[in-house]
């Protein structure tokens, strides 16, 4: 399984562009390289009734990197990602745009590829921090994703 060429516009379209809710929030992929992504969600349009970022918007920006990261490292003609479990802990109110970074090491990428080839699926875990514009961590998440082979 070879990874696809890294084109941030293509990956943005395949992730946030293909999910109407993500498009509506303004979530976007802002950095992309093999095994690493950074995403951002604006504050404007994502406020709740007390003028802090809505919990659902924070959850959305926390879940999206699993797919974007997948597209940075895996051959999507052979397998696809799906989230199977996710928890979020809200630490402080977000009153600005929020960013999140996700990474998979080369060793983890190779392990997932091997397991998908051998077993038809593989699990990868992402522990992420959502940060406001000052760098303060406003929430943390743990998400379990599966890479699944097409047709298996």
Protein backbone atom coordinates (compact mmCIF):
# COMPACT_ATOMS: atom_id res chain seq x y z
CA UNK A 1 0.00 0.00 0.00
CA UNK A 2 1.57 3.23 -1.08
CA UNK A 3 0.38 6.55 0.22
CA UNK A 4 -1.14 9.07 -2.14
CA UNK A 5 0.68 12.29 -3.07
CA UNK A 6 0.19 14.94 -0.42
CA UNK A 7 -2.12 17.61 -1.78
CA UNK A 8 -3.69 19.66 0.99
CA UNK A 9 -6.58 20.86 -1.21
CA UNK A 10 -7.49 17.28 -2.20
CA UNK A 11 -7.31 16.00 1.38
CA UNK A 12 -9.33 18.98 2.62
CA UNK A 13 -12.00 18.16 0.02
CA UNK A 14 -12.04 14.45 0.93
CA UNK A 15 -12.45 15.20 4.64
CA UNK A 16 -14.08 18.49 5.57
CA UNK A 17 -15.39 19.08 2.04
CA UNK A 18 -17.27 15.79 1.91
CA UNK A 19 -19.00 16.19 5.28
CA UNK A 20 -21.71 18.90 5.22
CA UNK A 21 -21.51 19.54 8.99
CA UNK A 22 -17.72 19.99 8.85
CA UNK A 23 -18.10 22.38 5.92
CA UNK A 24 -20.71 24.35 7.86
CA UNK A 25 -18.40 24.75 10.88
CA UNK A 26 -15.60 26.13 8.70
CA UNK A 27 -13.21 23.41 9.84
CA UNK A 28 -10.16 23.19 7.60
CA UNK A 29 -6.92 21.34 7.17
CA UNK A 30 -4.10 23.88 7.45
CA UNK A 31 -0.97 21.67 7.54
CA UNK A 32 -0.35 18.29 5.93
CA UNK A 33 2.59 15.95 5.63
CA UNK A 34 2.94 12.19 5.79
CA UNK A 35 1.82 11.13 9.26
CA UNK A 36 1.01 14.66 10.50
CA UNK A 37 -1.92 17.04 10.13
CA UNK A 38 -3.04 20.26 11.74
CA UNK A 39 -6.62 21.45 11.55
CA UNK A 40 -8.43 24.64 12.57
CA UNK A 41 -12.00 25.64 13.33
CA UNK A 42 -12.96 29.33 13.56
CA UNK A 43 -14.73 30.75 16.59
CA UNK A 44 -17.15 32.75 14.45
CA UNK A 45 -20.22 30.66 13.68
CA UNK A 46 -19.38 28.03 16.31
CA UNK A 47 -20.49 29.85 19.48
CA UNK A 48 -23.11 28.52 21.85
CA UNK A 49 -25.73 30.35 23.92
CA UNK A 50 -23.11 31.71 26.38
CA UNK A 51 -20.65 32.86 23.66
CA UNK A 52 -18.04 30.14 24.00
CA UNK A 53 -17.31 27.48 21.38
CA UNK A 54 -20.10 24.95 21.09
CA UNK A 55 -19.22 21.48 22.39
CA UNK A 56 -20.36 19.85 19.14
CA UNK A 57 -17.99 22.05 17.14
CA UNK A 58 -15.10 21.05 19.41
CA UNK A 59 -16.03 17.39 18.98
CA UNK A 60 -16.16 17.85 15.20
CA UNK A 61 -12.68 19.38 14.95
CA UNK A 62 -11.35 16.65 17.25
CA UNK A 63 -12.77 13.81 15.15
CA UNK A 64 -11.76 15.04 11.69
CA UNK A 65 -7.96 14.61 12.01
CA UNK A 66 -8.32 10.81 12.09
CA UNK A 67 -9.48 10.88 8.48
CA UNK A 68 -7.14 13.62 7.28
CA UNK A 69 -4.21 11.84 8.88
CA UNK A 70 -5.30 8.61 7.20
CA UNK A 71 -5.22 10.24 3.76
CA UNK A 72 -1.68 11.48 4.45
CA UNK A 73 -0.27 7.98 4.94
CA UNK A 74 -2.45 5.26 3.43
CA UNK A 75 -3.65 4.16 0.00
CA UNK A 76 -7.36 5.01 0.02
CA UNK A 77 -7.99 2.82 -3.01
CA UNK A 78 -7.25 -0.16 -0.77
CA UNK A 79 -8.65 0.88 2.62
CA UNK A 80 -10.65 3.56 4.40
CA UNK A 81 -10.86 5.00 7.95
CA UNK A 82 -13.75 4.93 10.37
CA UNK A 83 -13.98 6.16 13.95
CA UNK A 84 -15.28 3.49 16.33
CA UNK A 85 -15.06 5.26 19.68
CA UNK A 86 -14.24 8.74 20.95
CA UNK A 87 -14.24 10.55 24.28
CA UNK A 88 -13.70 14.22 24.94
CA UNK A 89 -12.84 16.08 28.13
CA UNK A 90 -13.63 19.80 28.16
CA UNK A 91 -11.00 21.62 30.25
CA UNK A 92 -11.78 25.30 29.77
CA UNK A 93 -14.07 27.43 27.60
CA UNK A 94 -12.79 28.14 24.09
CA UNK A 95 -13.32 31.79 23.16
CA UNK A 96 -11.16 31.86 20.02
CA UNK A 97 -10.46 29.67 17.01
CA UNK A 98 -9.22 26.20 17.96
CA UNK A 99 -6.50 24.04 16.40
CA UNK A 100 -5.64 20.38 16.75
CA UNK A 101 -2.61 18.40 15.59
CA UNK A 102 -2.47 14.66 15.02
CA UNK A 103 0.47 12.41 14.20
CA UNK A 104 1.21 8.78 13.42
CA UNK A 105 4.81 7.57 13.52
CA UNK A 106 6.33 5.76 10.55
CA UNK A 107 6.35 2.59 12.66
CA UNK A 108 2.64 2.94 13.45
CA UNK A 109 1.81 3.61 9.79
CA UNK A 110 3.69 0.47 8.75
CA UNK A 111 1.99 -1.61 11.48
CA UNK A 112 -1.46 -0.47 10.36
CA UNK A 113 -0.66 -1.16 6.69
CA UNK A 114 0.60 -4.65 7.51
CA UNK A 115 -2.44 -5.50 9.64
CA UNK A 116 -4.87 -4.26 6.98
CA UNK A 117 -3.13 -6.44 4.39
CA UNK A 118 -3.10 -9.50 6.68
CA UNK A 119 -6.39 -9.17 8.59
CA UNK A 120 -8.51 -6.71 6.60
CA UNK A 121 -8.49 -4.10 9.37
CA UNK A 122 -6.31 -2.42 11.96
CA UNK A 123 -6.91 -0.13 14.93
CA UNK A 124 -5.06 3.10 15.60
CA UNK A 125 -5.54 5.40 18.61
CA UNK A 126 -5.22 9.19 18.61
CA UNK A 127 -4.85 11.17 21.84
CA UNK A 128 -5.26 14.82 20.92
CA UNK A 129 -5.19 18.27 22.48
CA UNK A 130 -7.42 21.05 21.22
CA UNK A 131 -5.81 24.46 21.70
CA UNK A 132 -7.11 28.01 21.55
CA UNK A 133 -5.20 30.82 19.82
CA UNK A 134 -3.05 31.47 22.92
CA UNK A 135 -1.93 27.82 22.99
CA UNK A 136 -4.07 26.89 26.01
CA UNK A 137 -5.45 23.34 25.93
CA UNK A 138 -9.24 23.67 25.99
CA UNK A 139 -10.08 19.97 25.54
CA UNK A 140 -8.44 16.57 25.19
CA UNK A 141 -9.72 13.56 23.28
CA UNK A 142 -9.03 9.89 22.85
CA UNK A 143 -10.31 8.32 19.66
CA UNK A 144 -10.18 4.79 18.32
CA UNK A 145 -10.11 4.50 14.54
CA UNK A 146 -10.06 1.49 12.26
CA UNK A 147 -8.42 1.24 8.89
CA UNK A 148 -10.59 -1.20 6.93
CA UNK A 149 -9.79 -2.92 3.65
CA UNK A 150 -12.33 -2.35 0.88
CA UNK A 151 -14.45 -5.40 0.18
CA UNK A 152 -13.47 -7.34 3.28
